[in-house]
Amino acid sequence: MRDLALPFSPWLTEADAARPCLMDDASGEWLTYGAVKGRAAAYAEALAGPKALVFLYAHNDVASVSAFLGALAAGHAVALLDPKLAKAPRAALAEAYRPDFVIDVREKPEPVLLSDGNEATLHPDLAILLSTSGSTGSPKFVRLALAAVEANARSIAEALEIVEDDVAASHLPLHYSFGMSTLTGHFSKGARIRLTDMGFMDRAFWGAMKDAGVTHLPGVPFHFQALQKLRYERLRLPNLKSLAQAGGFLDVPARQAAHDYMSQRGGRFYVMYGQTEAAPRMTTLPHDHFPAAPGSVGVPLSGGRLEILSPDENGHGEVVFHGPNVMMGYAESRADLTKGDEHFGRLLTGDIGFLDDAGRLTLTGRSKRFGKVYGLRVNLDEIEKLANTVCEAAVTQSGDGLHIHFATTGDAEADEHLKQTLFARFTERYSIPCNGYRIHPIDAIPRTERGKIDYKAIEVAS
């Protein structure tokens, strides 16, 4: 494995081997690209054999990244999974997909062999599997080719103007597409990545990022709302050059605060739009475009193209993205991993929006029942199904809150018991932050003439 080509940075030469690459909370020092390549090669050798499915419970640490790179270099398909998933969803995923190997570096550093080698042959182009709702352990995966992820990494690096001297704060989970793309985008330029399990509210986070010389800080809406409360001027990141926001809609005043702060220090603030199905980024609003279109998510990344399907009289319609980073398709079981490309570079996003005269996209709504809570994409129907195992319920989403509405029993004590039961069921099953749930009784679950839940009526009543 000495000639191992490191995914996302195959151009690396021997002269590049001494370049700093990764640091995590435990190491306290930079591991070079050469050392990371060596660790990845060790995993590739341990996983040597026919193309296999690897379940990687990915932590934000050097060992998990090395396992990820090594498994890909060995030609396998890697499912990046939330290490916080409880036993029940882990078992359900294993039953649906029958992985050949499982890796959780904090339980056992070496890959655990599970398969007898008699499972269905995987499609040769399949490389990465990401859950459409990673925090819930949903069995619905997005199937991605390595070429799609690498193409998106290069486009992201170009859009964010990443150079080899940059240092990314990799605090977003690696199993989350935004977190993965922070890693791959910086890898594509030979830049550095400071991996961490800490968050913005951890006091040690900011000191660690300062010591690492972080130049790039990504975040979802929750993070930028937190930065407003913390006050940007109090940040102690002297090397910070860019902020990037994705993972859901951030209101314009919060965007303005981030843009103003970066303008004052001669830096850049980017708004990005993407979906896991696009590996994951589709558009970027550059810093200089912000004054002209502060509510926009910008223009397509290089190699991409936007289309508005069946626009109305105002030019609003479903957003369609065309590009080399579009997924092969979905999977819900091992059998689906034999399938080839079903989308051919065209993605119906399920989002509604319009394009301005400069080709910038503004989103105005969604046509599907998905939401984002603290940057985590969640399937509202899936959560509603679980809630209905307890009582009649309906689920909506606004801001960073999941709203679980249940029909009141008319008894305060009984209603409180239902609230506690629902909360326990959710926290046992999902890894969504506890304060992301809003559980409240309503007189009755409103329904349409066809008997379907009337979500608009619920939102109006709320």
Protein backbone atom coordinates (compact mmCIF):
# COMPACT_ATOMS: atom_id res chain seq x y z
CA MET A 1 0.00 0.00 0.00
CA ARG A 2 3.01 2.31 -0.30
CA ASP A 3 1.62 3.83 -3.51
CA LEU A 4 -1.74 4.52 -1.92
CA ALA A 5 -3.54 7.45 -3.56
CA LEU A 6 -5.08 9.48 -0.77
CA PRO A 7 -8.72 10.29 -1.63
CA PHE A 8 -9.47 13.99 -2.23
CA SER A 9 -5.75 14.80 -2.54
CA PRO A 10 -4.25 12.29 -5.00
CA TRP A 11 -1.89 14.97 -6.29
CA LEU A 12 0.20 14.85 -3.11
CA THR A 13 3.89 14.31 -3.80
CA GLU A 14 6.69 13.21 -1.51
CA ALA A 15 7.54 16.89 -1.05
CA ASP A 16 4.03 17.47 0.32
CA ALA A 17 4.33 14.71 2.92
CA ALA A 18 5.74 17.05 5.57
CA ARG A 19 2.84 19.48 5.26
CA PRO A 20 0.62 19.70 8.41
CA CYS A 21 -2.73 18.00 7.89
CA LEU A 22 -4.81 16.96 10.92
CA MET A 23 -5.01 17.71 14.62
CA ASP A 24 -7.65 16.48 17.06
CA ASP A 25 -8.49 17.10 20.70
CA ALA A 26 -6.31 14.23 21.94
CA SER A 27 -3.19 14.74 19.82
CA GLY A 28 -2.42 18.39 20.55
CA GLU A 29 -0.07 18.52 17.57
CA TRP A 30 -0.30 18.46 13.80
CA LEU A 31 -0.10 15.15 12.00
CA THR A 32 1.46 15.55 8.56
CA TYR A 33 -0.11 14.51 5.27
CA GLY A 34 2.54 11.82 5.04
CA ALA A 35 1.61 10.45 8.47
CA VAL A 36 -2.11 10.53 7.63
CA LYS A 37 -1.37 8.72 4.39
CA GLY A 38 0.52 6.08 6.36
CA ARG A 39 -2.37 5.58 8.80
CA ALA A 40 -4.87 5.40 5.95
CA ALA A 41 -2.66 2.81 4.24
CA ALA A 42 -2.72 0.68 7.39
CA TYR A 43 -6.53 0.68 7.36
CA ALA A 44 -6.56 -0.06 3.64
CA GLU A 45 -4.34 -3.08 4.25
CA ALA A 46 -6.50 -4.30 7.13
CA LEU A 47 -9.54 -4.02 4.85
CA ALA A 48 -7.89 -5.54 1.77
CA GLY A 49 -10.16 -7.73 -0.32
CA PRO A 50 -13.18 -7.53 -2.65
CA LYS A 51 -15.34 -4.40 -2.55
CA ALA A 52 -17.16 -4.39 0.78
CA LEU A 53 -19.57 -2.28 2.81
CA VAL A 54 -17.95 -0.57 5.80
CA PHE A 55 -20.02 0.95 8.58
CA LEU A 56 -17.88 3.72 10.06
CA TYR A 57 -19.18 5.33 13.25
CA ALA A 58 -17.24 8.50 12.60
CA HIS A 59 -15.87 10.62 15.42
CA ASN A 60 -14.18 13.96 14.84
CA ASP A 61 -10.72 12.53 15.34
CA VAL A 62 -7.65 11.51 13.39
CA ALA A 63 -8.34 7.78 13.69
CA SER A 64 -11.83 8.06 12.17
CA VAL A 65 -10.59 10.21 9.29
CA SER A 66 -7.74 7.75 8.65
CA ALA A 67 -10.21 4.85 8.62
CA PHE A 68 -12.47 6.76 6.21
CA LEU A 69 -9.64 7.54 3.80
CA GLY A 70 -8.19 4.04 4.05
CA ALA A 71 -11.49 2.32 3.37
CA LEU A 72 -12.09 4.50 0.32
CA ALA A 73 -8.53 3.95 -0.91
CA ALA A 74 -9.13 0.19 -0.64
CA GLY A 75 -12.10 0.58 -2.99
CA HIS A 76 -14.86 -0.03 -0.45
CA ALA A 77 -18.19 1.71 0.13
CA VAL A 78 -18.26 3.59 3.44
CA ALA A 79 -21.40 4.48 5.36
CA LEU A 80 -20.60 7.43 7.64
CA LEU A 81 -22.74 7.03 10.76
CA ASP A 82 -23.42 8.96 13.95
CA PRO A 83 -21.41 7.41 16.81
CA LYS A 84 -24.08 8.66 19.23
CA LEU A 85 -26.70 6.33 17.76
CA ALA A 86 -28.21 4.02 20.37
CA LYS A 87 -28.12 0.22 20.16
CA ALA A 88 -31.61 -0.14 18.66
CA PRO A 89 -31.04 2.02 15.56
CA ARG A 90 -27.55 0.55 15.13
CA ALA A 91 -29.05 -2.93 15.11
CA ALA A 92 -31.78 -1.88 12.67
CA LEU A 93 -29.22 -0.43 10.25
CA ALA A 94 -27.07 -3.55 10.50
CA GLU A 95 -30.10 -5.74 9.76
CA ALA A 96 -31.08 -3.66 6.72
CA TYR A 97 -27.60 -3.38 5.20
CA ARG A 98 -25.60 -6.33 6.57
CA PRO A 99 -22.24 -4.52 6.55
CA ASP A 100 -19.07 -6.50 5.91
CA PHE A 101 -17.03 -4.44 8.37
CA VAL A 102 -17.84 -2.13 11.29
CA ILE A 103 -15.41 0.47 12.63
CA ASP A 104 -15.83 2.55 15.75
CA VAL A 105 -12.32 3.62 16.72
CA ARG A 106 -13.30 4.44 20.30
CA GLU A 107 -14.68 0.96 20.87
CA LYS A 108 -12.06 -0.96 18.91
CA PRO A 109 -9.41 0.60 16.63
CA GLU A 110 -9.34 -2.33 14.21
CA PRO A 111 -12.13 -3.08 11.71
CA VAL A 112 -14.55 -5.76 12.91
CA LEU A 113 -15.31 -8.33 10.21
CA LEU A 114 -18.99 -9.31 10.14
CA SER A 115 -19.73 -10.77 6.72
CA ASP A 116 -19.10 -14.24 5.35
CA GLY A 117 -18.59 -12.72 1.92
CA ASN A 118 -21.84 -13.97 0.44
CA GLU A 119 -23.69 -10.67 0.34
CA ALA A 120 -24.88 -8.93 -2.84
CA THR A 121 -22.11 -7.40 -4.95
CA LEU A 122 -21.83 -3.64 -4.53
CA HIS A 123 -21.91 -1.34 -7.52
CA PRO A 124 -18.31 -0.51 -8.54
CA ASP A 125 -18.92 3.26 -8.47
CA LEU A 126 -20.46 3.32 -5.00
CA ALA A 127 -18.14 4.95 -2.45
CA ILE A 128 -19.98 6.87 0.27
CA LEU A 129 -23.34 6.43 1.98
CA LEU A 130 -24.85 9.24 4.01
CA SER A 131 -28.13 9.02 5.88
CA THR A 132 -30.82 11.45 4.76
CA SER A 133 -31.49 12.01 8.46
CA GLY A 134 -28.27 11.00 10.20
CA SER A 135 -29.26 11.88 13.75
CA THR A 136 -32.30 9.59 13.67
CA GLY A 137 -30.63 6.48 12.30
CA SER A 138 -32.90 6.50 9.26
CA PRO A 139 -32.25 3.53 6.97
CA LYS A 140 -32.63 5.76 3.92
CA PHE A 141 -29.15 6.49 2.57
CA VAL A 142 -27.86 8.69 -0.23
CA ARG A 143 -25.57 6.75 -2.58
CA LEU A 144 -22.55 8.77 -3.72
CA ALA A 145 -19.74 8.02 -6.15
CA LEU A 146 -16.25 9.08 -5.11
CA ALA A 147 -15.98 11.20 -8.26
CA ALA A 148 -19.06 13.18 -7.19
CA VAL A 149 -17.67 13.95 -3.73
CA GLU A 150 -14.25 14.83 -5.11
CA ALA A 151 -15.78 17.14 -7.74
CA ASN A 152 -17.80 18.91 -5.06
CA ALA A 153 -14.75 19.22 -2.81
CA ARG A 154 -12.85 21.00 -5.58
CA SER A 155 -15.80 23.29 -6.34
CA ILE A 156 -16.21 24.18 -2.66
CA ALA A 157 -12.50 24.94 -2.34
CA GLU A 158 -12.73 27.23 -5.35
CA ALA A 159 -15.87 29.01 -4.10
CA LEU A 160 -14.46 29.55 -0.60
CA GLU A 161 -11.04 30.51 -1.95
CA ILE A 162 -9.31 27.86 0.17
CA VAL A 163 -5.51 27.79 -0.05
CA GLU A 164 -2.92 25.43 1.42
CA ASP A 165 -2.20 27.75 4.34
CA ASP A 166 -5.80 27.67 5.55
CA VAL A 167 -6.91 25.95 8.75
CA ALA A 168 -10.51 24.73 9.06
CA ALA A 169 -12.37 24.36 12.34
CA SER A 170 -13.90 20.91 11.83
CA HIS A 171 -16.45 20.92 14.65
CA LEU A 172 -19.42 19.72 12.57
CA PRO A 173 -19.89 15.91 12.72
CA LEU A 174 -18.14 14.00 9.95
CA HIS A 175 -21.25 11.87 9.35
CA TYR A 176 -23.10 15.11 8.51
CA SER A 177 -22.59 16.14 4.89
CA PHE A 178 -21.55 19.70 5.82
CA GLY A 179 -18.94 18.32 8.21
CA MET A 180 -17.65 15.88 5.60
CA SER A 181 -17.40 18.63 2.99
CA THR A 182 -15.37 20.85 5.35
CA LEU A 183 -12.86 18.03 5.55
CA THR A 184 -12.83 17.13 1.85
CA GLY A 185 -12.76 20.74 0.62
CA HIS A 186 -9.67 21.54 2.67
CA PHE A 187 -8.07 18.20 1.83
CA SER A 188 -8.40 19.03 -1.86
CA LYS A 189 -6.09 22.02 -1.36
CA GLY A 190 -3.64 20.40 1.05
CA ALA A 191 -4.86 22.69 3.84
CA ARG A 192 -5.09 21.86 7.55
CA ILE A 193 -8.11 20.60 9.48
CA ARG A 194 -8.49 21.03 13.25
CA LEU A 195 -10.87 18.23 14.28
CA THR A 196 -12.80 18.64 17.50
CA ASP A 197 -15.68 17.18 19.47
CA MET A 198 -16.11 20.50 21.25
CA GLY A 199 -18.79 23.04 20.39
CA PHE A 200 -19.20 26.80 20.55
CA MET A 201 -20.48 26.64 24.11
CA ASP A 202 -17.40 24.78 25.37
CA ARG A 203 -15.01 27.28 26.90
CA ALA A 204 -12.01 25.33 25.68
CA PHE A 205 -13.22 25.45 22.07
CA TRP A 206 -12.18 29.00 21.34
CA GLY A 207 -8.75 28.68 22.90
CA ALA A 208 -8.11 25.47 20.98
CA MET A 209 -9.16 27.07 17.69
CA LYS A 210 -6.98 30.11 18.37
CA ASP A 211 -3.98 27.92 19.15
CA ALA A 212 -4.54 25.99 15.92
CA GLY A 213 -4.54 29.24 13.92
CA VAL A 214 -8.03 28.63 12.50
CA THR A 215 -8.77 30.69 9.37
CA HIS A 216 -12.12 29.15 8.38
CA LEU A 217 -15.16 28.66 10.60
CA PRO A 218 -18.26 26.90 9.22
CA GLY A 219 -21.63 26.72 10.93
CA VAL A 220 -25.36 26.10 10.68
CA PRO A 221 -27.97 28.74 11.67
CA PHE A 222 -27.75 27.79 15.35
CA HIS A 223 -24.04 28.58 15.40
CA PHE A 224 -24.49 32.02 13.89
CA GLN A 225 -27.29 32.82 16.31
CA ALA A 226 -24.93 31.80 19.11
CA LEU A 227 -22.17 34.01 17.69
CA GLN A 228 -24.53 36.98 17.77
CA LYS A 229 -25.22 36.34 21.44
CA LEU A 230 -21.54 35.84 22.21
CA ARG A 231 -20.82 39.00 20.20
CA TYR A 232 -18.51 38.75 17.23
CA GLU A 233 -16.16 41.41 18.53
CA ARG A 234 -15.36 39.16 21.49
CA LEU A 235 -14.05 36.36 19.28
CA ARG A 236 -10.35 35.76 19.75
CA LEU A 237 -9.46 34.20 16.42
CA PRO A 238 -6.80 36.53 15.01
CA ASN A 239 -6.24 34.43 11.87
CA LEU A 240 -9.92 34.09 10.92
CA LYS A 241 -10.45 34.88 7.22
CA SER A 242 -13.81 33.32 6.39
CA LEU A 243 -17.16 32.24 7.80
CA ALA A 244 -19.45 29.86 5.90
CA GLN A 245 -23.12 29.25 6.74
CA ALA A 246 -25.23 26.36 5.46
CA GLY A 247 -27.56 23.77 6.95
CA GLY A 248 -30.82 25.72 6.73
CA PHE A 249 -32.19 29.24 6.46
CA LEU A 250 -30.53 31.99 8.49
CA ASP A 251 -32.52 35.20 8.82
CA VAL A 252 -31.17 38.25 7.03
CA PRO A 253 -30.32 40.29 10.18
CA ALA A 254 -28.16 37.43 11.46
CA ARG A 255 -26.51 37.14 8.05
CA GLN A 256 -25.92 40.90 8.06
CA ALA A 257 -24.19 40.73 11.44
CA ALA A 258 -21.80 38.03 10.19
CA HIS A 259 -21.15 39.91 6.95
CA ASP A 260 -20.48 43.20 8.75
CA TYR A 261 -18.06 41.53 11.15
CA MET A 262 -16.05 39.89 8.40
CA SER A 263 -16.06 43.08 6.31
CA GLN A 264 -14.62 45.02 9.24
CA ARG A 265 -11.70 42.61 9.55
CA GLY A 266 -11.12 42.29 5.80
CA GLY A 267 -12.50 38.76 5.66
CA ARG A 268 -15.34 36.97 3.89
CA PHE A 269 -18.76 35.60 4.81
CA TYR A 270 -20.37 33.00 2.57
CA VAL A 271 -23.93 31.70 2.52
CA MET A 272 -24.10 28.19 1.05
CA TYR A 273 -26.97 25.99 -0.03
CA GLY A 274 -26.84 22.26 -0.44
CA GLN A 275 -28.36 18.87 0.20
CA THR A 276 -26.83 15.53 1.08
CA GLU A 277 -28.05 14.38 -2.35
CA ALA A 278 -25.61 16.86 -3.95
CA ALA A 279 -22.51 15.68 -2.06
CA PRO A 280 -23.49 18.26 -0.60
CA ARG A 281 -23.08 21.87 -1.82
CA MET A 282 -24.87 23.43 -4.80
CA THR A 283 -24.59 27.23 -4.49
CA THR A 284 -22.62 29.95 -2.76
CA LEU A 285 -23.40 33.60 -2.16
CA PRO A 286 -19.97 35.27 -2.28
CA HIS A 287 -19.16 37.98 0.24
CA ASP A 288 -19.23 40.73 -2.41
CA HIS A 289 -22.69 39.65 -3.66
CA PHE A 290 -24.29 39.98 -0.24
CA PRO A 291 -25.30 43.70 -0.38
CA ALA A 292 -27.18 43.12 -3.64
CA ALA A 293 -29.04 39.98 -2.50
CA PRO A 294 -28.82 39.42 1.27
CA GLY A 295 -31.65 36.88 1.25
CA SER A 296 -30.19 34.80 -1.57
CA VAL A 297 -28.18 31.56 -1.41
CA GLY A 298 -26.16 32.61 -4.41
CA VAL A 299 -24.99 31.16 -7.68
CA PRO A 300 -24.15 27.56 -8.62
CA LEU A 301 -20.75 26.15 -7.78
CA SER A 302 -18.44 25.60 -10.75
CA GLY A 303 -19.69 22.76 -12.92
CA GLY A 304 -23.25 23.20 -11.68
CA ARG A 305 -26.39 24.67 -13.19
CA LEU A 306 -29.78 25.67 -11.76
CA GLU A 307 -33.19 25.32 -13.36
CA ILE A 308 -36.61 26.42 -12.10
CA LEU A 309 -39.16 23.78 -12.99
CA SER A 310 -42.58 24.98 -14.22
CA PRO A 311 -42.20 28.53 -12.88
CA ASP A 312 -45.33 30.51 -12.01
CA GLU A 313 -46.02 34.08 -13.09
CA ASN A 314 -43.44 35.32 -10.56
CA GLY A 315 -40.77 32.89 -11.69
CA HIS A 316 -41.17 30.67 -8.62
CA GLY A 317 -40.98 26.92 -9.02
CA GLU A 318 -39.17 23.79 -7.90
CA VAL A 319 -35.39 24.13 -7.90
CA VAL A 320 -33.56 21.61 -10.06
CA PHE A 321 -29.78 21.28 -9.83
CA HIS A 322 -27.57 19.84 -12.55
CA GLY A 323 -23.97 18.91 -11.81
CA PRO A 324 -21.29 16.21 -11.47
CA ASN A 325 -21.85 16.02 -7.70
CA VAL A 326 -25.44 14.70 -7.84
CA MET A 327 -26.03 11.39 -6.08
CA MET A 328 -26.42 8.02 -7.79
CA GLY A 329 -29.72 7.54 -5.95
CA TYR A 330 -31.21 6.39 -2.65
CA ALA A 331 -30.90 3.13 -0.78
CA GLU A 332 -32.99 1.54 1.94
CA SER A 333 -31.38 -1.91 2.08
CA ARG A 334 -28.30 -3.87 1.04
CA ALA A 335 -29.99 -4.87 -2.21
CA ASP A 336 -30.14 -1.22 -3.31
CA LEU A 337 -26.34 -0.95 -3.17
CA THR A 338 -26.07 -2.93 -6.40
CA LYS A 339 -27.82 -0.16 -8.36
CA GLY A 340 -26.03 2.26 -10.65
CA ASP A 341 -26.62 5.94 -11.34
CA GLU A 342 -30.34 6.70 -11.42
CA HIS A 343 -30.15 10.51 -11.57
CA PHE A 344 -27.53 11.22 -14.23
CA GLY A 345 -26.49 14.56 -12.77
CA ARG A 346 -30.01 15.96 -12.27
CA LEU A 347 -31.49 16.56 -8.82
CA LEU A 348 -35.05 17.61 -8.03
CA THR A 349 -34.38 19.39 -4.75
CA GLY A 350 -37.93 19.62 -3.42
CA ASP A 351 -37.23 23.29 -2.65
CA ILE A 352 -39.19 26.19 -4.15
CA GLY A 353 -37.36 29.30 -5.29
CA PHE A 354 -36.56 31.78 -8.06
CA LEU A 355 -33.51 33.14 -9.89
CA ASP A 356 -32.74 36.85 -10.10
CA ASP A 357 -31.22 38.61 -13.13
CA ALA A 358 -27.72 37.71 -11.92
CA GLY A 359 -28.57 34.02 -11.70
CA ARG A 360 -28.69 34.02 -7.89
CA LEU A 361 -31.12 31.65 -6.22
CA THR A 362 -33.55 32.71 -3.50
CA LEU A 363 -35.44 29.95 -1.70
CA THR A 364 -39.06 30.54 -0.71
CA GLY A 365 -40.27 27.18 0.63
CA ARG A 366 -40.18 23.41 0.53
CA SER A 367 -42.33 20.87 -1.23
CA LYS A 368 -41.25 17.96 0.96
CA ARG A 369 -41.65 17.03 4.59
CA PHE A 370 -38.06 17.54 5.70
CA GLY A 371 -36.71 20.04 8.17
CA LYS A 372 -33.43 21.07 9.76
CA VAL A 373 -32.83 21.26 13.49
CA TYR A 374 -29.46 22.63 14.64
CA GLY A 375 -28.25 21.95 11.11
CA LEU A 376 -29.32 18.29 11.20
CA ARG A 377 -31.67 17.24 8.45
CA VAL A 378 -34.69 15.39 9.84
CA ASN A 379 -37.54 13.50 8.24
CA LEU A 380 -40.66 14.94 9.89
CA ASP A 381 -42.80 12.01 8.79
CA GLU A 382 -40.43 9.54 10.41
CA ILE A 383 -40.52 11.41 13.72
CA GLU A 384 -44.29 11.68 13.50
CA LYS A 385 -44.57 7.93 12.97
CA LEU A 386 -42.65 7.30 16.19
CA ALA A 387 -44.78 9.84 18.07
CA ASN A 388 -47.91 8.03 16.96
CA THR A 389 -46.76 4.87 18.72
CA VAL A 390 -47.44 6.83 21.93
CA CYS A 391 -50.52 8.85 20.99
CA GLU A 392 -52.16 10.66 18.10
CA ALA A 393 -49.67 13.34 17.08
CA ALA A 394 -48.49 15.63 14.30
CA VAL A 395 -45.00 17.05 13.80
CA THR A 396 -44.02 20.39 12.32
CA GLN A 397 -40.78 22.35 12.33
CA SER A 398 -39.85 26.02 12.64
CA GLY A 399 -36.51 27.62 13.37
CA ASP A 400 -34.45 25.15 15.36
CA GLY A 401 -37.44 23.51 16.99
CA LEU A 402 -39.35 20.32 16.27
CA HIS A 403 -42.96 20.85 17.31
CA ILE A 404 -44.78 17.71 18.40
CA HIS A 405 -48.50 18.38 18.71
CA PHE A 406 -50.65 15.76 20.41
CA ALA A 407 -54.37 15.58 21.07
CA THR A 408 -55.04 16.50 24.68
CA THR A 409 -56.68 13.99 27.01
CA GLY A 410 -58.33 16.83 28.89
CA ASP A 411 -56.43 15.85 32.03
CA ALA A 412 -53.33 17.91 32.87
CA GLU A 413 -51.61 15.08 34.71
CA ALA A 414 -52.23 12.63 31.86
CA ASP A 415 -51.02 15.17 29.31
CA GLU A 416 -47.82 15.68 31.28
CA HIS A 417 -47.27 11.93 31.34
CA LEU A 418 -47.66 11.81 27.56
CA LYS A 419 -45.17 14.65 27.16
CA GLN A 420 -42.61 12.82 29.27
CA THR A 421 -43.19 9.57 27.41
CA LEU A 422 -42.80 11.23 24.03
CA PHE A 423 -39.64 13.00 25.15
CA ALA A 424 -38.16 9.76 26.47
CA ARG A 425 -39.02 7.94 23.23
CA PHE A 426 -37.36 10.64 21.10
CA THR A 427 -34.18 10.95 23.15
CA GLU A 428 -33.80 7.17 23.24
CA ARG A 429 -34.14 6.89 19.48
CA TYR A 430 -32.54 10.07 18.12
CA SER A 431 -29.41 12.16 18.75
CA ILE A 432 -31.15 15.50 18.15
CA PRO A 433 -30.29 17.99 20.94
CA CYS A 434 -32.84 17.74 23.77
CA ASN A 435 -33.80 21.41 23.53
CA GLY A 436 -34.78 20.86 19.89
CA TYR A 437 -38.13 19.35 20.94
CA ARG A 438 -41.27 21.39 21.63
CA ILE A 439 -44.01 19.07 22.86
CA HIS A 440 -47.47 20.51 23.52
CA PRO A 441 -51.12 19.39 23.60
CA ILE A 442 -53.77 20.82 21.28
CA ASP A 443 -57.54 20.29 21.31
CA ALA A 444 -57.45 17.91 18.35
CA ILE A 445 -55.25 17.03 15.37
CA PRO A 446 -56.88 18.93 12.48
CA ARG A 447 -57.44 16.96 9.29
CA THR A 448 -58.47 17.71 5.72
CA GLU A 449 -61.57 16.37 3.99
CA ARG A 450 -59.47 13.41 2.82
CA GLY A 451 -58.46 12.60 6.40
CA LYS A 452 -54.88 13.82 6.06
CA ILE A 453 -53.28 15.96 8.76
CA ASP A 454 -53.78 19.66 8.03
CA TYR A 455 -50.32 21.02 8.86
CA LYS A 456 -51.18 24.54 7.74
CA ALA A 457 -54.07 24.65 10.24
CA ILE A 458 -51.71 23.47 12.98
CA GLU A 459 -49.12 26.14 12.17
CA VAL A 460 -51.80 28.85 12.13
CA ALA A 461 -53.19 27.67 15.49
CA SER A 462 -49.69 27.56 16.97
